[in-house]
Amino acid sequence: MKTLCLDLDYDYDFELFGLVSSSREHKLAWALNKYLRIRLVKQKDLYFDFLNKGRLVISNYLHCTEYSTFRLLRNKSADLSTLKKPFLAPDIKEYDYLLQINGEVQDNWQQELNSVFKLVPLIQYVKKFDPNTLKFKENLMF
């Protein structure tokens, strides 16, 4: 009997920023709302069930417009987990939060965003990542 293999190539066409912040997620969302002039709203937590290994519960804030989507995700599981690596993106576990931006953005917007991140007092460090280089990039597909 012949077996077929399904090979999918996803298009990771979003901007991804890792944020280091010791603040709680609702305070960080409030600060990002204030400085970026957006409205991140708490959504239902995201649940990832791994067969016979455990569950990963990720806090999720969302801001949607007609042209773009901002998603603030906590990188570490909000619930106690039996997983060895209870992170949404274990290869960048040093970052407390992930900011995922989908959609159309202006050309000079990247530089403006970096300068705004420097103004937010709750953020200690920010780094932009190429999602295609991450090992667990499939976890970021919603």
Protein backbone atom coordinates (compact mmCIF):
# COMPACT_ATOMS: atom_id res chain seq x y z
CA MET A 1 0.00 0.00 0.00
CA LYS A 2 1.32 3.41 -0.96
CA THR A 3 1.51 6.08 1.73
CA LEU A 4 1.23 9.75 1.03
CA CYS A 5 2.99 12.42 3.02
CA LEU A 6 1.36 15.80 3.46
CA ASP A 7 3.99 18.53 3.24
CA LEU A 8 2.75 22.01 4.12
CA ASP A 9 4.66 25.23 3.84
CA TYR A 10 3.12 27.99 5.91
CA ASP A 11 3.68 31.62 5.11
CA TYR A 12 5.08 33.29 8.21
CA ASP A 13 4.35 36.81 7.00
CA PHE A 14 4.20 38.53 10.36
CA GLU A 15 6.54 40.65 12.43
CA LEU A 16 7.62 39.09 15.71
CA PHE A 17 9.14 40.91 18.67
CA GLY A 18 10.41 39.36 21.87
CA LEU A 19 9.82 41.54 24.94
CA VAL A 20 11.59 41.26 28.28
CA SER A 21 9.38 42.65 31.03
CA SER A 22 8.89 41.69 34.66
CA SER A 23 5.45 43.31 34.77
CA ARG A 24 2.15 41.49 34.68
CA GLU A 25 0.52 40.95 31.31
CA HIS A 26 -2.42 43.31 31.86
CA LYS A 27 -0.07 46.16 32.86
CA LEU A 28 2.11 45.56 29.82
CA ALA A 29 -0.95 45.46 27.56
CA TRP A 30 -2.16 48.74 29.08
CA ALA A 31 1.25 50.37 28.50
CA LEU A 32 1.41 49.14 24.89
CA ASN A 33 -2.12 50.45 24.34
CA LYS A 34 -1.09 53.85 25.64
CA TYR A 35 2.18 54.21 23.72
CA LEU A 36 1.20 52.48 20.45
CA ARG A 37 -2.31 53.97 20.46
CA ILE A 38 -3.95 50.58 20.01
CA ARG A 39 -6.48 48.60 22.06
CA LEU A 40 -5.18 45.19 23.12
CA VAL A 41 -8.07 43.29 24.69
CA LYS A 42 -7.78 40.09 26.73
CA GLN A 43 -8.99 37.06 24.79
CA LYS A 44 -9.55 33.48 25.87
CA ASP A 45 -6.33 31.74 26.78
CA LEU A 46 -4.82 29.53 24.11
CA TYR A 47 -4.57 25.83 25.02
CA PHE A 48 -2.05 23.48 23.48
CA ASP A 49 -2.53 19.85 24.49
CA PHE A 50 0.46 17.64 23.80
CA LEU A 51 -0.32 13.94 23.69
CA ASN A 52 0.71 12.24 26.95
CA LYS A 53 3.00 15.15 27.83
CA GLY A 54 0.90 17.95 29.26
CA ARG A 55 -0.87 21.19 28.50
CA LEU A 56 0.39 24.64 27.63
CA VAL A 57 -1.85 27.62 28.54
CA ILE A 58 -0.87 30.92 26.91
CA SER A 59 -2.32 34.35 27.78
CA ASN A 60 -3.53 36.18 24.73
CA TYR A 61 -4.32 39.87 24.05
CA LEU A 62 -5.60 40.98 20.66
CA HIS A 63 -6.09 44.22 18.71
CA CYS A 64 -7.65 43.97 15.25
CA THR A 65 -8.18 46.62 12.62
CA GLU A 66 -9.23 46.40 9.02
CA TYR A 67 -5.59 46.22 7.89
CA SER A 68 -3.55 44.77 10.75
CA THR A 69 -3.62 42.56 13.81
CA PHE A 70 -1.56 42.92 16.99
CA ARG A 71 -1.29 39.97 19.35
CA LEU A 72 0.48 40.06 22.71
CA LEU A 73 1.30 36.55 23.92
CA ARG A 74 2.90 35.44 27.12
CA ASN A 75 5.77 33.14 26.26
CA LYS A 76 5.56 30.99 29.42
CA SER A 77 2.57 28.87 30.32
CA ALA A 78 0.09 30.67 32.59
CA ASP A 79 -0.85 27.34 34.18
CA LEU A 80 1.39 24.88 35.97
CA SER A 81 2.67 22.53 33.32
CA THR A 82 4.35 19.14 33.38
CA LEU A 83 6.21 19.96 30.18
CA LYS A 84 10.00 20.14 30.30
CA LYS A 85 9.87 23.43 28.37
CA PRO A 86 6.56 25.19 29.21
CA PHE A 87 7.09 27.95 26.62
CA LEU A 88 5.22 28.94 23.47
CA ALA A 89 8.56 29.51 21.74
CA PRO A 90 11.14 27.45 23.69
CA ASP A 91 14.02 28.56 21.47
CA ILE A 92 13.57 32.16 22.71
CA LYS A 93 12.56 31.37 26.30
CA GLU A 94 14.57 34.36 27.58
CA TYR A 95 11.73 36.63 26.41
CA ASP A 96 8.72 36.99 28.67
CA TYR A 97 6.27 38.15 25.98
CA LEU A 98 5.89 37.95 22.22
CA LEU A 99 4.30 40.67 20.13
CA GLN A 100 3.05 39.38 16.79
CA ILE A 101 1.99 41.90 14.14
CA ASN A 102 0.17 40.78 10.99
CA GLY A 103 -0.98 42.85 8.08
CA GLU A 104 -0.01 46.00 6.28
CA VAL A 105 2.39 48.39 7.93
CA GLN A 106 4.10 51.50 6.63
CA ASP A 107 7.73 51.42 5.51
CA ASN A 108 9.07 53.72 8.24
CA TRP A 109 6.86 52.10 10.86
CA GLN A 110 9.60 49.67 11.92
CA GLN A 111 11.85 52.49 13.14
CA GLU A 112 8.95 54.27 14.83
CA LEU A 113 8.01 51.08 16.65
CA ASN A 114 11.54 50.62 18.01
CA SER A 115 11.58 54.20 19.31
CA VAL A 116 8.16 53.69 20.97
CA PHE A 117 9.40 50.51 22.68
CA LYS A 118 12.20 52.57 24.23
CA LEU A 119 9.61 54.92 25.76
CA VAL A 120 7.61 52.16 27.48
CA PRO A 121 8.98 52.00 31.03
CA LEU A 122 7.76 48.42 31.61
CA ILE A 123 9.91 46.98 28.80
CA GLN A 124 13.53 46.27 29.64
CA TYR A 125 14.59 44.83 26.27
CA VAL A 126 13.11 44.20 22.80
CA LYS A 127 14.40 42.14 19.92
CA LYS A 128 12.90 41.52 16.50
CA PHE A 129 12.91 37.92 15.27
CA ASP A 130 12.51 36.36 11.87
CA PRO A 131 9.81 33.72 12.45
CA ASN A 132 11.30 31.49 9.73
CA THR A 133 14.45 30.98 11.81
CA LEU A 134 12.61 29.70 14.88
CA LYS A 135 12.47 25.97 15.52
CA PHE A 136 8.97 26.05 17.04
CA LYS A 137 7.47 28.58 14.62
CA GLU A 138 4.38 26.38 14.11
CA ASN A 139 3.28 27.33 17.64
CA LEU A 140 2.80 30.91 16.40
CA MET A 141 0.22 30.05 13.74
CA PHE A 142 -3.30 31.03 14.85
